Amino acid sequence: MSDPKGEVIQRYDLLHRGAGPKGTDIARPAEFLIDSSGIIRWVNLTENIAVRARPEQVLEAFEQGEQVTPQ
Protein backbone atom coordinates (compact mmCIF):
# COMPACT_ATOMS: atom_id res chain seq x y z
CA MET A 1 0.00 0.00 0.00
CA SER A 2 1.28 3.47 -0.78
CA ASP A 3 0.93 5.88 2.14
CA PRO A 4 2.91 9.01 1.18
CA LYS A 5 1.46 11.12 4.00
CA GLY A 6 1.79 8.37 6.61
CA GLU A 7 -1.91 8.47 7.49
CA VAL A 8 -2.41 4.70 7.57
CA ILE A 9 0.89 4.22 9.39
CA GLN A 10 -0.30 6.58 12.11
CA ARG A 11 -3.84 5.21 12.28
CA TYR A 12 -2.63 1.65 12.81
CA ASP A 13 0.31 2.65 15.04
CA LEU A 14 2.93 1.22 12.68
CA LEU A 15 5.60 3.92 12.93
CA HIS A 16 9.02 2.51 13.79
CA ARG A 17 10.96 5.57 14.90
CA GLY A 18 14.60 5.69 13.90
CA ALA A 19 14.64 2.26 12.27
CA GLY A 20 15.25 3.46 8.72
CA PRO A 21 18.41 4.48 6.91
CA LYS A 22 20.31 7.20 8.78
CA GLY A 23 17.84 6.97 11.66
CA THR A 24 14.77 7.95 9.68
CA ASP A 25 11.31 6.78 10.68
CA ILE A 26 9.78 3.92 8.69
CA ALA A 27 6.66 1.76 8.84
CA ARG A 28 6.77 -1.53 10.72
CA PRO A 29 6.11 -4.49 8.44
CA ALA A 30 2.49 -5.52 8.96
CA GLU A 31 -0.21 -7.69 7.47
CA PHE A 32 -3.91 -7.31 8.25
CA LEU A 33 -7.07 -9.23 7.45
CA ILE A 34 -9.95 -6.75 7.53
CA ASP A 35 -13.50 -7.89 6.87
CA SER A 36 -16.11 -6.10 4.78
CA SER A 37 -17.39 -4.30 7.91
CA GLY A 38 -13.94 -2.85 8.58
CA ILE A 39 -13.26 -5.14 11.56
CA ILE A 40 -9.65 -6.25 11.92
CA ARG A 41 -9.77 -10.05 12.04
CA TRP A 42 -6.05 -10.82 12.13
CA VAL A 43 -2.77 -8.92 12.49
CA ASN A 44 0.81 -9.96 11.89
CA LEU A 45 3.36 -7.38 13.07
CA THR A 46 7.10 -7.81 12.95
CA GLU A 47 10.23 -5.74 13.38
CA ASN A 48 12.01 -7.61 10.57
CA ILE A 49 11.15 -6.63 7.00
CA ALA A 50 12.13 -10.12 5.79
CA VAL A 51 9.63 -11.88 8.08
CA ARG A 52 6.15 -12.42 6.68
CA ALA A 53 3.31 -14.75 7.57
CA ARG A 54 3.23 -17.99 5.66
CA PRO A 55 0.22 -18.37 3.35
CA GLU A 56 -1.16 -21.21 5.49
CA GLN A 57 -1.08 -18.93 8.57
CA VAL A 58 -3.12 -16.30 6.75
CA LEU A 59 -5.60 -18.88 5.44
CA GLU A 60 -6.02 -20.38 8.93
CA ALA A 61 -6.72 -16.93 10.39
CA PHE A 62 -9.20 -16.24 7.59
CA GLU A 63 -11.01 -19.53 8.18
CA GLN A 64 -11.20 -18.98 11.96
CA GLY A 65 -12.63 -15.49 11.49
CA GLU A 66 -11.66 -14.40 14.99
CA GLN A 67 -11.61 -10.71 15.86
CA VAL A 68 -8.32 -9.39 17.21
CA THR A 69 -7.14 -6.05 18.51
CA PRO A 70 -3.87 -4.67 17.08
CA GLN A 71 -1.13 -4.08 19.61
PDB file of N, CA and C in Angstrom:
ATOM      1  N   MET A   1       0.848  -1.157   0.000  1.00  0.00           N
ATOM      2  CA  MET A   1       0.000   0.000   0.000  1.00  0.00           C
ATOM      3  C   MET A   1       0.902   1.231   0.000  1.00  0.00           C
ATOM      4  N   SER A   2       0.571   2.192  -0.773  1.00  0.00           N
ATOM      5  CA  SER A   2       1.277   3.466  -0.776  1.00  0.00           C
ATOM      6  C   SER A   2       0.616   4.397   0.238  1.00  0.00           C
ATOM      7  N   ASP A   3       1.444   4.992   1.091  1.00  0.00           N
ATOM      8  CA  ASP A   3       0.935   5.878   2.142  1.00  0.00           C
ATOM      9  C   ASP A   3       1.870   7.087   2.267  1.00  0.00           C
ATOM     10  N   PRO A   4       1.933   7.920   1.209  1.00  0.00           N
ATOM     11  CA  PRO A   4       2.914   9.007   1.181  1.00  0.00           C
ATOM     12  C   PRO A   4       2.801  10.004   2.335  1.00  0.00           C
ATOM     13  N   LYS A   5       1.621  10.177   2.886  1.00  0.00           N
ATOM     14  CA  LYS A   5       1.455  11.120   4.000  1.00  0.00           C
ATOM     15  C   LYS A   5       1.522  10.430   5.362  1.00  0.00           C
ATOM     16  N   GLY A   6       1.665   9.109   5.354  1.00  0.00           N
ATOM     17  CA  GLY A   6       1.786   8.371   6.606  1.00  0.00           C
ATOM     18  C   GLY A   6       0.503   8.264   7.410  1.00  0.00           C
ATOM     19  N   GLU A   7      -0.635   8.486   6.769  1.00  0.00           N
ATOM     20  CA  GLU A   7      -1.913   8.472   7.492  1.00  0.00           C
ATOM     21  C   GLU A   7      -2.280   7.076   7.995  1.00  0.00           C
ATOM     22  N   VAL A   8      -2.088   6.068   7.160  1.00  0.00           N
ATOM     23  CA  VAL A   8      -2.407   4.700   7.569  1.00  0.00           C
ATOM     24  C   VAL A   8      -1.404   4.226   8.618  1.00  0.00           C
ATOM     25  N   ILE A   9      -0.153   4.577   8.421  1.00  0.00           N
ATOM     26  CA  ILE A   9       0.888   4.220   9.390  1.00  0.00           C
ATOM     27  C   ILE A   9       0.525   4.754  10.768  1.00  0.00           C
ATOM     28  N   GLN A  10       0.084   5.985  10.831  1.00  0.00           N
ATOM     29  CA  GLN A  10      -0.298   6.581  12.114  1.00  0.00           C
ATOM     30  C   GLN A  10      -1.569   5.951  12.665  1.00  0.00           C
ATOM     31  N   ARG A  11      -2.553   5.752  11.823  1.00  0.00           N
ATOM     32  CA  ARG A  11      -3.842   5.209  12.281  1.00  0.00           C
ATOM     33  C   ARG A  11      -3.700   3.820  12.893  1.00  0.00           C
ATOM     34  N   TYR A  12      -2.823   3.010  12.317  1.00  0.00           N
ATOM     35  CA  TYR A  12      -2.631   1.649  12.807  1.00  0.00           C
ATOM     36  C   TYR A  12      -1.392   1.512  13.700  1.00  0.00           C
ATOM     37  N   ASP A  13      -0.833   2.624  14.113  1.00  0.00           N
ATOM     38  CA  ASP A  13       0.313   2.652  15.037  1.00  0.00           C
ATOM     39  C   ASP A  13       1.462   1.777  14.534  1.00  0.00           C
ATOM     40  N   LEU A  14       1.882   2.021  13.303  1.00  0.00           N
ATOM     41  CA  LEU A  14       2.926   1.219  12.679  1.00  0.00           C
ATOM     42  C   LEU A  14       4.256   1.951  12.536  1.00  0.00           C
ATOM     43  N   LEU A  15       4.361   3.148  13.081  1.00  0.00           N
ATOM     44  CA  LEU A  15       5.596   3.919  12.933  1.00  0.00           C
ATOM     45  C   LEU A  15       6.712   3.300  13.765  1.00  0.00           C
ATOM     46  N   HIS A  16       7.826   3.043  13.124  1.00  0.00           N
ATOM     47  CA  HIS A  16       9.018   2.509  13.785  1.00  0.00           C
ATOM     48  C   HIS A  16      10.067   3.623  13.766  1.00  0.00           C
ATOM     49  N   ARG A  17      10.083   4.388  14.830  1.00  0.00           N
ATOM     50  CA  ARG A  17      10.955   5.568  14.901  1.00  0.00           C
ATOM     51  C   ARG A  17      12.435   5.181  14.866  1.00  0.00           C
ATOM     52  N   GLY A  18      13.158   5.852  13.981  1.00  0.00           N
ATOM     53  CA  GLY A  18      14.601   5.693  13.900  1.00  0.00           C
ATOM     54  C   GLY A  18      15.094   4.387  13.319  1.00  0.00           C
ATOM     55  N   ALA A  19      14.226   3.574  12.757  1.00  0.00           N
ATOM     56  CA  ALA A  19      14.636   2.257  12.265  1.00  0.00           C
ATOM     57  C   ALA A  19      15.068   2.266  10.800  1.00  0.00           C
ATOM     58  N   GLY A  20      14.903   3.382  10.128  1.00  0.00           N
ATOM     59  CA  GLY A  20      15.249   3.461   8.717  1.00  0.00           C
ATOM     60  C   GLY A  20      16.689   3.891   8.498  1.00  0.00           C
ATOM     61  N   PRO A  21      17.061   4.018   7.243  1.00  0.00           N
ATOM     62  CA  PRO A  21      18.406   4.484   6.914  1.00  0.00           C
ATOM     63  C   PRO A  21      18.695   5.837   7.567  1.00  0.00           C
ATOM     64  N   LYS A  22      19.866   5.955   8.134  1.00  0.00           N
ATOM     65  CA  LYS A  22      20.312   7.196   8.781  1.00  0.00           C
ATOM     66  C   LYS A  22      19.363   7.637   9.891  1.00  0.00           C
ATOM     67  N   GLY A  23      18.701   6.663  10.530  1.00  0.00           N
ATOM     68  CA  GLY A  23      17.839   6.974  11.663  1.00  0.00           C
ATOM     69  C   GLY A  23      16.489   7.564  11.317  1.00  0.00           C
ATOM     70  N   THR A  24      16.080   7.429  10.065  1.00  0.00           N
ATOM     71  CA  THR A  24      14.767   7.952   9.677  1.00  0.00           C
ATOM     72  C   THR A  24      13.658   7.037  10.195  1.00  0.00           C
ATOM     73  N   ASP A  25      12.468   7.569  10.270  1.00  0.00           N
ATOM     74  CA  ASP A  25      11.307   6.784  10.679  1.00  0.00           C
ATOM     75  C   ASP A  25      10.780   5.996   9.484  1.00  0.00           C
ATOM     76  N   ILE A  26      10.365   4.764   9.737  1.00  0.00           N
ATOM     77  CA  ILE A  26       9.775   3.925   8.693  1.00  0.00           C
ATOM     78  C   ILE A  26       8.555   3.199   9.269  1.00  0.00           C
ATOM     79  N   ALA A  27       7.802   2.565   8.398  1.00  0.00           N
ATOM     80  CA  ALA A  27       6.657   1.765   8.842  1.00  0.00           C
ATOM     81  C   ALA A  27       7.131   0.380   9.261  1.00  0.00           C
ATOM     82  N   ARG A  28       6.519  -0.140  10.329  1.00  0.00           N
ATOM     83  CA  ARG A  28       6.769  -1.527  10.716  1.00  0.00           C
ATOM     84  C   ARG A  28       6.102  -2.432   9.688  1.00  0.00           C
ATOM     85  N   PRO A  29       6.755  -3.539   9.327  1.00  0.00           N
ATOM     86  CA  PRO A  29       6.111  -4.493   8.441  1.00  0.00           C
ATOM     87  C   PRO A  29       4.848  -5.042   9.109  1.00  0.00           C
ATOM     88  N   ALA A  30       3.749  -5.060   8.386  1.00  0.00           N
ATOM     89  CA  ALA A  30       2.486  -5.517   8.964  1.00  0.00           C
ATOM     90  C   ALA A  30       1.583  -6.106   7.898  1.00  0.00           C
ATOM     91  N   GLU A  31       0.802  -7.085   8.324  1.00  0.00           N
ATOM     92  CA  GLU A  31      -0.213  -7.691   7.467  1.00  0.00           C
ATOM     93  C   GLU A  31      -1.515  -7.723   8.258  1.00  0.00           C
ATOM     94  N   PHE A  32      -2.606  -7.358   7.601  1.00  0.00           N
ATOM     95  CA  PHE A  32      -3.913  -7.310   8.248  1.00  0.00           C
ATOM     96  C   PHE A  32      -4.933  -8.069   7.418  1.00  0.00           C
ATOM     97  N   LEU A  33      -5.854  -8.740   8.092  1.00  0.00           N
ATOM     98  CA  LEU A  33      -7.073  -9.229   7.453  1.00  0.00           C
ATOM     99  C   LEU A  33      -8.192  -8.372   8.007  1.00  0.00           C
ATOM    100  N   ILE A  34      -8.865  -7.649   7.127  1.00  0.00           N
ATOM    101  CA  ILE A  34      -9.948  -6.747   7.527  1.00  0.00           C
ATOM    102  C   ILE A  34     -11.200  -7.183   6.777  1.00  0.00           C
ATOM    103  N   ASP A  35     -12.287  -7.406   7.527  1.00  0.00           N
ATOM    104  CA  ASP A  35     -13.501  -7.887   6.869  1.00  0.00           C
ATOM    105  C   ASP A  35     -14.263  -6.748   6.201  1.00  0.00           C
ATOM    106  N   SER A  36     -15.354  -7.086   5.543  1.00  0.00           N
ATOM    107  CA  SER A  36     -16.115  -6.096   4.780  1.00  0.00           C
ATOM    108  C   SER A  36     -16.777  -5.041   5.657  1.00  0.00           C
ATOM    109  N   SER A  37     -16.847  -5.287   6.968  1.00  0.00           N
ATOM    110  CA  SER A  37     -17.392  -4.297   7.909  1.00  0.00           C
ATOM    111  C   SER A  37     -16.303  -3.402   8.484  1.00  0.00           C
ATOM    112  N   GLY A  38     -15.055  -3.648   8.076  1.00  0.00           N
ATOM    113  CA  GLY A  38     -13.941  -2.854   8.576  1.00  0.00           C
ATOM    114  C   GLY A  38     -13.365  -3.366   9.882  1.00  0.00           C
ATOM    115  N   ILE A  39     -13.775  -4.557  10.316  1.00  0.00           N
ATOM    116  CA  ILE A  39     -13.258  -5.136  11.555  1.00  0.00           C
ATOM    117  C   ILE A  39     -11.956  -5.865  11.262  1.00  0.00           C
ATOM    118  N   ILE A  40     -10.934  -5.574  12.061  1.00  0.00           N
ATOM    119  CA  ILE A  40      -9.652  -6.253  11.917  1.00  0.00           C
ATOM    120  C   ILE A  40      -9.817  -7.657  12.483  1.00  0.00           C
ATOM    121  N   ARG A  41      -9.601  -8.649  11.638  1.00  0.00           N
ATOM    122  CA  ARG A  41      -9.769 -10.048  12.040  1.00  0.00           C
ATOM    123  C   ARG A  41      -8.457 -10.724  12.398  1.00  0.00           C
ATOM    124  N   TRP A  42      -7.353 -10.194  11.878  1.00  0.00           N
ATOM    125  CA  TRP A  42      -6.055 -10.821  12.134  1.00  0.00           C
ATOM    126  C   TRP A  42      -4.964  -9.801  11.847  1.00  0.00           C
ATOM    127  N   VAL A  43      -3.899  -9.839  12.656  1.00  0.00           N
ATOM    128  CA  VAL A  43      -2.771  -8.922  12.487  1.00  0.00           C
ATOM    129  C   VAL A  43      -1.475  -9.704  12.627  1.00  0.00           C
ATOM    130  N   ASN A  44      -0.539  -9.428  11.759  1.00  0.00           N
ATOM    131  CA  ASN A  44       0.811  -9.963  11.889  1.00  0.00           C
ATOM    132  C   ASN A  44       1.766  -8.774  11.842  1.00  0.00           C
ATOM    133  N   LEU A  45       2.391  -8.477  12.977  1.00  0.00           N
ATOM    134  CA  LEU A  45       3.357  -7.379  13.068  1.00  0.00           C
ATOM    135  C   LEU A  45       4.733  -7.956  13.341  1.00  0.00           C
ATOM    136  N   THR A  46       5.737  -7.363  12.725  1.00  0.00           N
ATOM    137  CA  THR A  46       7.104  -7.814  12.945  1.00  0.00           C
ATOM    138  C   THR A  46       8.042  -6.620  12.883  1.00  0.00           C
ATOM    139  N   GLU A  47       9.199  -6.774  13.457  1.00  0.00           N
ATOM    140  CA  GLU A  47      10.230  -5.736  13.381  1.00  0.00           C
ATOM    141  C   GLU A  47      11.180  -6.005  12.213  1.00  0.00           C
ATOM    142  N   ASN A  48      11.085  -7.183  11.616  1.00  0.00           N
ATOM    143  CA  ASN A  48      12.006  -7.606  10.571  1.00  0.00           C
ATOM    144  C   ASN A  48      11.297  -7.593   9.219  1.00  0.00           C
ATOM    145  N   ILE A  49      11.790  -6.778   8.311  1.00  0.00           N
ATOM    146  CA  ILE A  49      11.152  -6.631   6.997  1.00  0.00           C
ATOM    147  C   ILE A  49      11.138  -7.938   6.203  1.00  0.00           C
ATOM    148  N   ALA A  50      12.050  -8.859   6.519  1.00  0.00           N
ATOM    149  CA  ALA A  50      12.127 -10.123   5.793  1.00  0.00           C
ATOM    150  C   ALA A  50      11.151 -11.172   6.323  1.00  0.00           C
ATOM    151  N   VAL A  51      10.540 -10.909   7.467  1.00  0.00           N
ATOM    152  CA  VAL A  51       9.630 -11.884   8.078  1.00  0.00           C
ATOM    153  C   VAL A  51       8.197 -11.574   7.671  1.00  0.00           C
ATOM    154  N   ARG A  52       7.549 -12.554   7.084  1.00  0.00           N
ATOM    155  CA  ARG A  52       6.153 -12.422   6.678  1.00  0.00           C
ATOM    156  C   ARG A  52       5.413 -13.684   7.097  1.00  0.00           C
ATOM    157  N   ALA A  53       4.120 -13.570   7.253  1.00  0.00           N
ATOM    158  CA  ALA A  53       3.310 -14.746   7.572  1.00  0.00           C
ATOM    159  C   ALA A  53       3.337 -15.704   6.388  1.00  0.00           C
ATOM    160  N   ARG A  54       3.324 -16.985   6.712  1.00  0.00           N
ATOM    161  CA  ARG A  54       3.233 -17.988   5.657  1.00  0.00           C
ATOM    162  C   ARG A  54       1.792 -18.026   5.152  1.00  0.00           C
ATOM    163  N   PRO A  55       1.579 -18.350   3.890  1.00  0.00           N
ATOM    164  CA  PRO A  55       0.217 -18.373   3.347  1.00  0.00           C
ATOM    165  C   PRO A  55      -0.747 -19.217   4.180  1.00  0.00           C
ATOM    166  N   GLU A  56      -0.271 -20.355   4.694  1.00  0.00           N
ATOM    167  CA  GLU A  56      -1.162 -21.206   5.488  1.00  0.00           C
ATOM    168  C   GLU A  56      -1.575 -20.536   6.800  1.00  0.00           C
ATOM    169  N   GLN A  57      -0.712 -19.673   7.360  1.00  0.00           N
ATOM    170  CA  GLN A  57      -1.084 -18.926   8.568  1.00  0.00           C
ATOM    171  C   GLN A  57      -2.213 -17.941   8.262  1.00  0.00           C
ATOM    172  N   VAL A  58      -2.097 -17.268   7.142  1.00  0.00           N
ATOM    173  CA  VAL A  58      -3.122 -16.297   6.755  1.00  0.00           C
ATOM    174  C   VAL A  58      -4.441 -17.009   6.467  1.00  0.00           C
ATOM    175  N   LEU A  59      -4.381 -18.122   5.748  1.00  0.00           N
ATOM    176  CA  LEU A  59      -5.599 -18.878   5.445  1.00  0.00           C
ATOM    177  C   LEU A  59      -6.261 -19.408   6.713  1.00  0.00           C
ATOM    178  N   GLU A  60      -5.462 -19.887   7.663  1.00  0.00           N
ATOM    179  CA  GLU A  60      -6.018 -20.378   8.926  1.00  0.00           C
ATOM    180  C   GLU A  60      -6.726 -19.250   9.673  1.00  0.00           C
ATOM    181  N   ALA A  61      -6.101 -18.082   9.724  1.00  0.00           N
ATOM    182  CA  ALA A  61      -6.718 -16.929  10.388  1.00  0.00           C
ATOM    183  C   ALA A  61      -8.013 -16.541   9.685  1.00  0.00           C
ATOM    184  N   PHE A  62      -8.002 -16.576   8.372  1.00  0.00           N
ATOM    185  CA  PHE A  62      -9.199 -16.244   7.594  1.00  0.00           C
ATOM    186  C   PHE A  62     -10.332 -17.226   7.892  1.00  0.00           C
ATOM    187  N   GLU A  63      -9.998 -18.497   7.935  1.00  0.00           N
ATOM    188  CA  GLU A  63     -11.007 -19.529   8.179  1.00  0.00           C
ATOM    189  C   GLU A  63     -11.569 -19.464   9.596  1.00  0.00           C
ATOM    190  N   GLN A  64     -10.738 -19.071  10.576  1.00  0.00           N
ATOM    191  CA  GLN A  64     -11.198 -18.976  11.960  1.00  0.00           C
ATOM    192  C   GLN A  64     -12.089 -17.762  12.163  1.00  0.00           C
ATOM    193  N   GLY A  65     -11.804 -16.687  11.433  1.00  0.00           N
ATOM    194  CA  GLY A  65     -12.631 -15.489  11.492  1.00  0.00           C
ATOM    195  C   GLY A  65     -12.698 -14.832  12.852  1.00  0.00           C
ATOM    196  N   GLU A  66     -11.661 -14.983  13.657  1.00  0.00           N
ATOM    197  CA  GLU A  66     -11.663 -14.397  14.990  1.00  0.00           C
ATOM    198  C   GLU A  66     -11.285 -12.924  14.932  1.00  0.00           C
ATOM    199  N   GLN A  67     -11.928 -12.126  15.774  1.00  0.00           N
ATOM    200  CA  GLN A  67     -11.607 -10.706  15.862  1.00  0.00           C
ATOM    201  C   GLN A  67     -10.420 -10.530  16.791  1.00  0.00           C
ATOM    202  N   VAL A  68      -9.481  -9.696  16.378  1.00  0.00           N
ATOM    203  CA  VAL A  68      -8.319  -9.391  17.210  1.00  0.00           C
ATOM    204  C   VAL A  68      -8.176  -7.891  17.335  1.00  0.00           C
ATOM    205  N   THR A  69      -7.430  -7.466  18.328  1.00  0.00           N
ATOM    206  CA  THR A  69      -7.141  -6.051  18.513  1.00  0.00           C
ATOM    207  C   THR A  69      -5.665  -5.841  18.245  1.00  0.00           C
ATOM    208  N   PRO A  70      -5.292  -4.917  17.345  1.00  0.00           N
ATOM    209  CA  PRO A  70      -3.873  -4.674  17.084  1.00  0.00           C
ATOM    210  C   PRO A  70      -3.170  -4.158  18.326  1.00  0.00           C
ATOM    211  N   GLN A  71      -1.914  -4.514  18.447  1.00  0.00           N
ATOM    212  CA  GLN A  71      -1.125  -4.082  19.606  1.00  0.00           C
ATOM    213  C   GLN A  71      -0.439  -2.774  19.337  1.00  0.00           C
TER     214      GLN A  71
END
